[in-house]
Amino acid sequence: DGAGFSITRSDLVLTARVPGIDEAKFQEIARGAKEACPLSKLLNAEITLEATLQG
């Protein structure tokens, strides 16, 4: 029944290759996605994001 179980933290690791985008724009988009994520809001858990743009 899930009694006593909860998700308190989620550590996300993103590695992407996106043509035509610079590091600053990539980080801006990644942060925006993290902050606007409806699932993160629903879980009410600490969310961390490590975003890496590969050249």
PDB file of N, CA and C in Angstrom:
ATOM      1  N   ASP A   1       0.811  -1.197   0.000  1.00  0.00           N
ATOM      2  CA  ASP A   1       0.000   0.000   0.000  1.00  0.00           C
ATOM      3  C   ASP A   1       0.848   1.252   0.000  1.00  0.00           C
ATOM      4  N   GLY A   2       2.166   1.144   0.164  1.00  0.00           N
ATOM      5  CA  GLY A   2       3.053   2.300   0.109  1.00  0.00           C
ATOM      6  C   GLY A   2       3.167   3.077   1.396  1.00  0.00           C
ATOM      7  N   ALA A   3       2.536   2.606   2.456  1.00  0.00           N
ATOM      8  CA  ALA A   3       2.588   3.329   3.725  1.00  0.00           C
ATOM      9  C   ALA A   3       4.034   3.437   4.196  1.00  0.00           C
ATOM     10  N   GLY A   4       4.449   4.634   4.568  1.00  0.00           N
ATOM     11  CA  GLY A   4       5.795   4.839   5.076  1.00  0.00           C
ATOM     12  C   GLY A   4       6.844   5.094   4.014  1.00  0.00           C
ATOM     13  N   PHE A   5       6.481   5.000   2.756  1.00  0.00           N
ATOM     14  CA  PHE A   5       7.439   5.239   1.679  1.00  0.00           C
ATOM     15  C   PHE A   5       7.206   6.620   1.081  1.00  0.00           C
ATOM     16  N   SER A   6       8.299   7.303   0.770  1.00  0.00           N
ATOM     17  CA  SER A   6       8.184   8.594   0.097  1.00  0.00           C
ATOM     18  C   SER A   6       9.453   8.859  -0.700  1.00  0.00           C
ATOM     19  N   ILE A   7       9.321   9.701  -1.692  1.00  0.00           N
ATOM     20  CA  ILE A   7      10.470  10.150  -2.473  1.00  0.00           C
ATOM     21  C   ILE A   7      10.827  11.524  -1.949  1.00  0.00           C
ATOM     22  N   THR A   8      12.027  11.652  -1.399  1.00  0.00           N
ATOM     23  CA  THR A   8      12.429  12.919  -0.794  1.00  0.00           C
ATOM     24  C   THR A   8      13.479  13.658  -1.608  1.00  0.00           C
ATOM     25  N   ARG A   9      14.083  12.956  -2.575  1.00  0.00           N
ATOM     26  CA  ARG A   9      15.159  13.579  -3.349  1.00  0.00           C
ATOM     27  C   ARG A   9      15.286  12.870  -4.694  1.00  0.00           C
ATOM     28  N   SER A  10      15.622  13.648  -5.720  1.00  0.00           N
ATOM     29  CA  SER A  10      15.891  13.094  -7.040  1.00  0.00           C
ATOM     30  C   SER A  10      17.098  13.821  -7.619  1.00  0.00           C
ATOM     31  N   ASP A  11      18.104  13.068  -8.024  1.00  0.00           N
ATOM     32  CA  ASP A  11      19.312  13.630  -8.624  1.00  0.00           C
ATOM     33  C   ASP A  11      19.295  13.302 -10.117  1.00  0.00           C
ATOM     34  N   LEU A  12      19.129  14.315 -10.934  1.00  0.00           N
ATOM     35  CA  LEU A  12      19.046  14.129 -12.378  1.00  0.00           C
ATOM     36  C   LEU A  12      20.391  14.438 -13.023  1.00  0.00           C
ATOM     37  N   VAL A  13      20.801  13.591 -13.963  1.00  0.00           N
ATOM     38  CA  VAL A  13      22.038  13.799 -14.707  1.00  0.00           C
ATOM     39  C   VAL A  13      21.665  13.826 -16.188  1.00  0.00           C
ATOM     40  N   LEU A  14      21.947  14.940 -16.831  1.00  0.00           N
ATOM     41  CA  LEU A  14      21.616  15.140 -18.238  1.00  0.00           C
ATOM     42  C   LEU A  14      22.898  15.379 -19.021  1.00  0.00           C
ATOM     43  N   THR A  15      23.103  14.582 -20.047  1.00  0.00           N
ATOM     44  CA  THR A  15      24.201  14.793 -20.977  1.00  0.00           C
ATOM     45  C   THR A  15      23.575  14.903 -22.360  1.00  0.00           C
ATOM     46  N   ALA A  16      23.848  16.016 -23.047  1.00  0.00           N
ATOM     47  CA  ALA A  16      23.185  16.250 -24.330  1.00  0.00           C
ATOM     48  C   ALA A  16      24.160  16.764 -25.373  1.00  0.00           C
ATOM     49  N   ARG A  17      23.823  16.489 -26.606  1.00  0.00           N
ATOM     50  CA  ARG A  17      24.535  17.026 -27.762  1.00  0.00           C
ATOM     51  C   ARG A  17      23.476  17.776 -28.574  1.00  0.00           C
ATOM     52  N   VAL A  18      23.562  19.105 -28.580  1.00  0.00           N
ATOM     53  CA  VAL A  18      22.545  19.931 -29.231  1.00  0.00           C
ATOM     54  C   VAL A  18      23.238  20.862 -30.229  1.00  0.00           C
ATOM     55  N   PRO A  19      23.074  20.612 -31.514  1.00  0.00           N
ATOM     56  CA  PRO A  19      23.721  21.463 -32.514  1.00  0.00           C
ATOM     57  C   PRO A  19      23.220  22.910 -32.435  1.00  0.00           C
ATOM     58  N   GLY A  20      24.146  23.855 -32.586  1.00  0.00           N
ATOM     59  CA  GLY A  20      23.782  25.254 -32.691  1.00  0.00           C
ATOM     60  C   GLY A  20      23.405  25.949 -31.398  1.00  0.00           C
ATOM     61  N   ILE A  21      23.796  25.403 -30.257  1.00  0.00           N
ATOM     62  CA  ILE A  21      23.465  26.032 -28.977  1.00  0.00           C
ATOM     63  C   ILE A  21      24.754  26.210 -28.177  1.00  0.00           C
ATOM     64  N   ASP A  22      24.842  27.300 -27.445  1.00  0.00           N
ATOM     65  CA  ASP A  22      26.030  27.487 -26.612  1.00  0.00           C
ATOM     66  C   ASP A  22      25.737  27.027 -25.180  1.00  0.00           C
ATOM     67  N   GLU A  23      26.783  26.937 -24.385  1.00  0.00           N
ATOM     68  CA  GLU A  23      26.683  26.420 -23.013  1.00  0.00           C
ATOM     69  C   GLU A  23      25.701  27.230 -22.171  1.00  0.00           C
ATOM     70  N   ALA A  24      25.762  28.550 -22.270  1.00  0.00           N
ATOM     71  CA  ALA A  24      24.891  29.405 -21.452  1.00  0.00           C
ATOM     72  C   ALA A  24      23.419  29.160 -21.769  1.00  0.00           C
ATOM     73  N   LYS A  25      23.081  29.090 -23.044  1.00  0.00           N
ATOM     74  CA  LYS A  25      21.684  28.857 -23.442  1.00  0.00           C
ATOM     75  C   LYS A  25      21.238  27.469 -23.012  1.00  0.00           C
ATOM     76  N   PHE A  26      22.109  26.479 -23.168  1.00  0.00           N
ATOM     77  CA  PHE A  26      21.789  25.115 -22.752  1.00  0.00           C
ATOM     78  C   PHE A  26      21.474  25.061 -21.262  1.00  0.00           C
ATOM     79  N   GLN A  27      22.316  25.692 -20.444  1.00  0.00           N
ATOM     80  CA  GLN A  27      22.094  25.693 -18.997  1.00  0.00           C
ATOM     81  C   GLN A  27      20.797  26.424 -18.644  1.00  0.00           C
ATOM     82  N   GLU A  28      20.517  27.515 -19.342  1.00  0.00           N
ATOM     83  CA  GLU A  28      19.281  28.271 -19.111  1.00  0.00           C
ATOM     84  C   GLU A  28      18.048  27.398 -19.386  1.00  0.00           C
ATOM     85  N   ILE A  29      18.061  26.680 -20.488  1.00  0.00           N
ATOM     86  CA  ILE A  29      16.941  25.809 -20.852  1.00  0.00           C
ATOM     87  C   ILE A  29      16.815  24.659 -19.860  1.00  0.00           C
ATOM     88  N   ALA A  30      17.938  24.050 -19.484  1.00  0.00           N
ATOM     89  CA  ALA A  30      17.913  22.938 -18.528  1.00  0.00           C
ATOM     90  C   ALA A  30      17.357  23.388 -17.181  1.00  0.00           C
ATOM     91  N   ARG A  31      17.798  24.540 -16.689  1.00  0.00           N
ATOM     92  CA  ARG A  31      17.289  25.069 -15.415  1.00  0.00           C
ATOM     93  C   ARG A  31      15.794  25.361 -15.499  1.00  0.00           C
ATOM     94  N   GLY A  32      15.369  25.938 -16.600  1.00  0.00           N
ATOM     95  CA  GLY A  32      13.951  26.237 -16.782  1.00  0.00           C
ATOM     96  C   GLY A  32      13.102  24.982 -16.782  1.00  0.00           C
ATOM     97  N   ALA A  33      13.585  23.930 -17.440  1.00  0.00           N
ATOM     98  CA  ALA A  33      12.854  22.664 -17.462  1.00  0.00           C
ATOM     99  C   ALA A  33      12.762  22.064 -16.066  1.00  0.00           C
ATOM    100  N   LYS A  34      13.850  22.133 -15.321  1.00  0.00           N
ATOM    101  CA  LYS A  34      13.855  21.612 -13.946  1.00  0.00           C
ATOM    102  C   LYS A  34      12.859  22.371 -13.075  1.00  0.00           C
ATOM    103  N   GLU A  35      12.876  23.694 -13.171  1.00  0.00           N
ATOM    104  CA  GLU A  35      12.018  24.519 -12.324  1.00  0.00           C
ATOM    105  C   GLU A  35      10.540  24.402 -12.683  1.00  0.00           C
ATOM    106  N   ALA A  36      10.217  24.128 -13.943  1.00  0.00           N
ATOM    107  CA  ALA A  36       8.828  24.069 -14.388  1.00  0.00           C
ATOM    108  C   ALA A  36       8.263  22.649 -14.432  1.00  0.00           C
ATOM    109  N   CYS A  37       9.047  21.660 -14.065  1.00  0.00           N
ATOM    110  CA  CYS A  37       8.630  20.260 -14.169  1.00  0.00           C
ATOM    111  C   CYS A  37       7.433  19.963 -13.258  1.00  0.00           C
ATOM    112  N   PRO A  38       6.291  19.569 -13.822  1.00  0.00           N
ATOM    113  CA  PRO A  38       5.116  19.302 -12.997  1.00  0.00           C
ATOM    114  C   PRO A  38       5.301  18.091 -12.080  1.00  0.00           C
ATOM    115  N   LEU A  39       6.070  17.103 -12.512  1.00  0.00           N
ATOM    116  CA  LEU A  39       6.303  15.932 -11.670  1.00  0.00           C
ATOM    117  C   LEU A  39       7.111  16.306 -10.436  1.00  0.00           C
ATOM    118  N   SER A  40       8.104  17.157 -10.609  1.00  0.00           N
ATOM    119  CA  SER A  40       8.897  17.620  -9.467  1.00  0.00           C
ATOM    120  C   SER A  40       8.020  18.345  -8.458  1.00  0.00           C
ATOM    121  N   LYS A  41       7.125  19.168  -8.951  1.00  0.00           N
ATOM    122  CA  LYS A  41       6.215  19.895  -8.063  1.00  0.00           C
ATOM    123  C   LYS A  41       5.281  18.936  -7.341  1.00  0.00           C
ATOM    124  N   LEU A  42       4.801  17.928  -8.039  1.00  0.00           N
ATOM    125  CA  LEU A  42       3.905  16.942  -7.442  1.00  0.00           C
ATOM    126  C   LEU A  42       4.601  16.157  -6.337  1.00  0.00           C
ATOM    127  N   LEU A  43       5.842  15.760  -6.559  1.00  0.00           N
ATOM    128  CA  LEU A  43       6.579  14.974  -5.565  1.00  0.00           C
ATOM    129  C   LEU A  43       6.975  15.800  -4.352  1.00  0.00           C
ATOM    130  N   ASN A  44       7.102  17.111  -4.546  1.00  0.00           N
ATOM    131  CA  ASN A  44       7.538  18.001  -3.469  1.00  0.00           C
ATOM    132  C   ASN A  44       8.837  17.492  -2.842  1.00  0.00           C
ATOM    133  N   ALA A  45       9.779  17.120  -3.701  1.00  0.00           N
ATOM    134  CA  ALA A  45      11.058  16.570  -3.264  1.00  0.00           C
ATOM    135  C   ALA A  45      12.186  17.498  -3.702  1.00  0.00           C
ATOM    136  N   GLU A  46      13.336  17.348  -3.063  1.00  0.00           N
ATOM    137  CA  GLU A  46      14.524  18.094  -3.485  1.00  0.00           C
ATOM    138  C   GLU A  46      14.997  17.530  -4.821  1.00  0.00           C
ATOM    139  N   ILE A  47      15.169  18.398  -5.792  1.00  0.00           N
ATOM    140  CA  ILE A  47      15.609  17.980  -7.117  1.00  0.00           C
ATOM    141  C   ILE A  47      16.941  18.663  -7.427  1.00  0.00           C
ATOM    142  N   THR A  48      17.940  17.874  -7.809  1.00  0.00           N
ATOM    143  CA  THR A  48      19.202  18.443  -8.267  1.00  0.00           C
ATOM    144  C   THR A  48      19.371  18.091  -9.740  1.00  0.00           C
ATOM    145  N   LEU A  49      20.101  18.928 -10.453  1.00  0.00           N
ATOM    146  CA  LEU A  49      20.325  18.701 -11.875  1.00  0.00           C
ATOM    147  C   LEU A  49      21.783  18.963 -12.211  1.00  0.00           C
ATOM    148  N   GLU A  50      22.400  17.984 -12.835  1.00  0.00           N
ATOM    149  CA  GLU A  50      23.749  18.133 -13.387  1.00  0.00           C
ATOM    150  C   GLU A  50      23.600  18.052 -14.901  1.00  0.00           C
ATOM    151  N   ALA A  51      23.739  19.183 -15.581  1.00  0.00           N
ATOM    152  CA  ALA A  51      23.537  19.239 -17.027  1.00  0.00           C
ATOM    153  C   ALA A  51      24.867  19.498 -17.726  1.00  0.00           C
ATOM    154  N   THR A  52      25.185  18.646 -18.689  1.00  0.00           N
ATOM    155  CA  THR A  52      26.442  18.749 -19.427  1.00  0.00           C
ATOM    156  C   THR A  52      26.148  18.783 -20.917  1.00  0.00           C
ATOM    157  N   LEU A  53      26.680  19.788 -21.581  1.00  0.00           N
ATOM    158  CA  LEU A  53      26.555  19.901 -23.034  1.00  0.00           C
ATOM    159  C   LEU A  53      27.828  19.349 -23.658  1.00  0.00           C
ATOM    160  N   GLN A  54      27.660  18.350 -24.509  1.00  0.00           N
ATOM    161  CA  GLN A  54      28.816  17.778 -25.200  1.00  0.00           C
ATOM    162  C   GLN A  54      28.995  18.471 -26.539  1.00  0.00           C
ATOM    163  N   GLY A  55      30.251  18.707 -26.891  1.00  0.00           N
ATOM    164  CA  GLY A  55      30.561  19.446 -28.103  1.00  0.00           C
ATOM    165  C   GLY A  55      30.445  18.664 -29.331  1.00  0.00           C
TER     166      GLY A  55
END
